Amino acid sequence: MKYLNLLLLLPFVGLLWMPLYDRADPVLFGFPFFYWYQFAWVPVTSVIIWIVWKKGHDA
């Protein structure tokens, strides 16, 4: 279970490491990469939290 909790670090690291997404290209539906990359983490983080909760609840 402890290793599964490490999944919770993915959104933290993905958003903390700003040089990864500090650019304008590629553009998606008129939004620069900087914005849609951050918005994309919202559902991804929700799924990660659900997976960790579900596996921890079943254990």
N, C-alpha and C. Protein backbone atom coordinates (compact mmCIF):
# COMPACT_ATOMS: atom_id res chain seq x y z
N MET A 1 0.82 -1.20 0.00
CA MET A 1 0.00 0.00 0.00
C MET A 1 0.86 1.26 0.00
N LYS A 2 2.00 1.21 0.67
CA LYS A 2 2.87 2.38 0.72
C LYS A 2 3.35 2.79 -0.67
N TYR A 3 3.63 1.79 -1.51
CA TYR A 3 4.10 2.09 -2.86
C TYR A 3 2.99 2.70 -3.70
N LEU A 4 1.78 2.29 -3.45
CA LEU A 4 0.65 2.85 -4.19
C LEU A 4 0.46 4.33 -3.85
N ASN A 5 0.76 4.70 -2.63
CA ASN A 5 0.65 6.11 -2.23
C ASN A 5 1.63 7.00 -2.98
N LEU A 6 2.68 6.42 -3.52
CA LEU A 6 3.63 7.22 -4.30
C LEU A 6 3.00 7.76 -5.58
N LEU A 7 1.91 7.15 -6.02
CA LEU A 7 1.19 7.68 -7.18
C LEU A 7 0.69 9.10 -6.91
N LEU A 8 0.43 9.39 -5.65
CA LEU A 8 -0.06 10.72 -5.30
C LEU A 8 0.99 11.81 -5.53
N LEU A 9 2.22 11.42 -5.68
CA LEU A 9 3.28 12.39 -5.95
C LEU A 9 3.32 12.83 -7.42
N LEU A 10 2.74 12.04 -8.30
CA LEU A 10 2.77 12.38 -9.73
C LEU A 10 2.21 13.76 -10.05
N PRO A 11 1.00 14.09 -9.60
CA PRO A 11 0.49 15.44 -9.90
C PRO A 11 1.34 16.54 -9.26
N PHE A 12 1.82 16.27 -8.07
CA PHE A 12 2.64 17.26 -7.37
C PHE A 12 3.91 17.56 -8.17
N VAL A 13 4.61 16.52 -8.58
CA VAL A 13 5.84 16.69 -9.34
C VAL A 13 5.55 17.23 -10.73
N GLY A 14 4.49 16.74 -11.36
CA GLY A 14 4.14 17.19 -12.70
C GLY A 14 3.80 18.66 -12.78
N LEU A 15 3.26 19.21 -11.71
CA LEU A 15 2.92 20.63 -11.70
C LEU A 15 4.00 21.48 -11.03
N LEU A 16 4.81 20.88 -10.20
CA LEU A 16 5.86 21.64 -9.52
C LEU A 16 7.03 21.92 -10.45
N TRP A 17 7.32 21.00 -11.35
CA TRP A 17 8.46 21.15 -12.25
C TRP A 17 8.05 22.03 -13.43
N MET A 18 8.09 23.32 -13.22
CA MET A 18 7.56 24.29 -14.17
C MET A 18 8.28 24.33 -15.52
N PRO A 19 9.58 24.09 -15.62
CA PRO A 19 10.20 24.10 -16.95
C PRO A 19 9.60 23.07 -17.91
N LEU A 20 8.91 22.08 -17.38
CA LEU A 20 8.27 21.08 -18.22
C LEU A 20 7.15 21.68 -19.07
N TYR A 21 6.44 22.64 -18.54
CA TYR A 21 5.27 23.17 -19.26
C TYR A 21 5.28 24.68 -19.42
N ASP A 22 6.41 25.31 -19.22
CA ASP A 22 6.51 26.77 -19.34
C ASP A 22 6.77 27.16 -20.80
N ARG A 23 5.77 26.96 -21.64
CA ARG A 23 5.85 27.33 -23.04
C ARG A 23 4.45 27.50 -23.60
N ALA A 24 4.35 28.07 -24.77
CA ALA A 24 3.04 28.35 -25.37
C ALA A 24 2.61 27.27 -26.36
N ASP A 25 3.55 26.61 -26.99
CA ASP A 25 3.21 25.59 -28.00
C ASP A 25 3.32 24.21 -27.40
N PRO A 26 2.51 23.27 -27.75
CA PRO A 26 1.44 23.29 -28.74
C PRO A 26 0.15 23.90 -28.17
N VAL A 27 -0.63 24.46 -29.05
CA VAL A 27 -1.90 25.08 -28.68
C VAL A 27 -3.01 24.06 -28.89
N LEU A 28 -3.93 24.00 -27.95
CA LEU A 28 -5.07 23.08 -28.03
C LEU A 28 -6.35 23.87 -27.86
N PHE A 29 -7.18 23.91 -28.89
CA PHE A 29 -8.44 24.67 -28.89
C PHE A 29 -8.21 26.14 -28.52
N GLY A 30 -7.10 26.69 -28.95
CA GLY A 30 -6.80 28.09 -28.69
C GLY A 30 -6.12 28.36 -27.36
N PHE A 31 -5.96 27.34 -26.54
CA PHE A 31 -5.31 27.50 -25.24
C PHE A 31 -3.83 27.14 -25.36
N PRO A 32 -2.95 27.98 -24.85
CA PRO A 32 -1.52 27.64 -24.86
C PRO A 32 -1.26 26.42 -23.98
N PHE A 33 -0.17 25.76 -24.27
CA PHE A 33 0.20 24.55 -23.54
C PHE A 33 0.24 24.78 -22.03
N PHE A 34 0.74 25.95 -21.63
CA PHE A 34 0.85 26.27 -20.21
C PHE A 34 -0.47 26.08 -19.47
N TYR A 35 -1.57 26.48 -20.09
CA TYR A 35 -2.88 26.40 -19.44
C TYR A 35 -3.51 25.01 -19.56
N TRP A 36 -3.51 24.44 -20.78
CA TRP A 36 -4.22 23.17 -20.90
C TRP A 36 -3.47 22.03 -20.22
N TYR A 37 -2.16 22.15 -20.07
CA TYR A 37 -1.42 21.14 -19.32
C TYR A 37 -1.87 21.10 -17.86
N GLN A 38 -2.04 22.28 -17.26
CA GLN A 38 -2.49 22.34 -15.87
C GLN A 38 -3.93 21.85 -15.74
N PHE A 39 -4.78 22.23 -16.67
CA PHE A 39 -6.17 21.76 -16.63
C PHE A 39 -6.27 20.25 -16.84
N ALA A 40 -5.37 19.69 -17.62
CA ALA A 40 -5.38 18.24 -17.86
C ALA A 40 -5.07 17.46 -16.59
N TRP A 41 -4.35 18.06 -15.67
CA TRP A 41 -4.02 17.37 -14.43
C TRP A 41 -5.22 17.22 -13.49
N VAL A 42 -6.25 18.02 -13.68
CA VAL A 42 -7.41 17.95 -12.78
C VAL A 42 -8.09 16.58 -12.87
N PRO A 43 -8.51 16.10 -14.04
CA PRO A 43 -9.11 14.76 -14.07
C PRO A 43 -8.11 13.65 -13.81
N VAL A 44 -6.86 13.84 -14.24
CA VAL A 44 -5.83 12.82 -13.98
C VAL A 44 -5.61 12.66 -12.48
N THR A 45 -5.55 13.75 -11.78
CA THR A 45 -5.38 13.70 -10.32
C THR A 45 -6.58 13.05 -9.65
N SER A 46 -7.76 13.35 -10.13
CA SER A 46 -8.97 12.72 -9.57
C SER A 46 -8.94 11.21 -9.74
N VAL A 47 -8.52 10.75 -10.91
CA VAL A 47 -8.44 9.31 -11.15
C VAL A 47 -7.36 8.67 -10.27
N ILE A 48 -6.24 9.33 -10.12
CA ILE A 48 -5.17 8.80 -9.26
C ILE A 48 -5.64 8.70 -7.82
N ILE A 49 -6.30 9.73 -7.34
CA ILE A 49 -6.82 9.69 -5.96
C ILE A 49 -7.84 8.57 -5.80
N TRP A 50 -8.71 8.39 -6.78
CA TRP A 50 -9.70 7.32 -6.72
C TRP A 50 -9.03 5.95 -6.70
N ILE A 51 -8.00 5.76 -7.53
CA ILE A 51 -7.30 4.47 -7.57
C ILE A 51 -6.65 4.18 -6.22
N VAL A 52 -5.97 5.15 -5.65
CA VAL A 52 -5.31 4.95 -4.36
C VAL A 52 -6.34 4.69 -3.27
N TRP A 53 -7.43 5.41 -3.29
CA TRP A 53 -8.49 5.20 -2.29
C TRP A 53 -9.11 3.81 -2.44
N LYS A 54 -9.42 3.42 -3.69
CA LYS A 54 -10.07 2.13 -3.94
C LYS A 54 -9.16 0.98 -3.53
N LYS A 55 -7.91 1.03 -3.90
CA LYS A 55 -6.99 -0.05 -3.56
C LYS A 55 -6.72 -0.06 -2.05
N GLY A 56 -6.67 1.08 -1.42
CA GLY A 56 -6.46 1.13 0.03
C GLY A 56 -7.68 0.68 0.79
N HIS A 57 -8.86 0.97 0.24
CA HIS A 57 -10.11 0.57 0.88
C HIS A 57 -10.31 -0.95 0.77
N ASP A 58 -9.87 -1.55 -0.32
CA ASP A 58 -10.02 -2.98 -0.52
C ASP A 58 -9.00 -3.79 0.27
N ALA A 59 -7.89 -3.16 0.63
CA ALA A 59 -6.82 -3.90 1.31
C ALA A 59 -7.17 -4.20 2.76
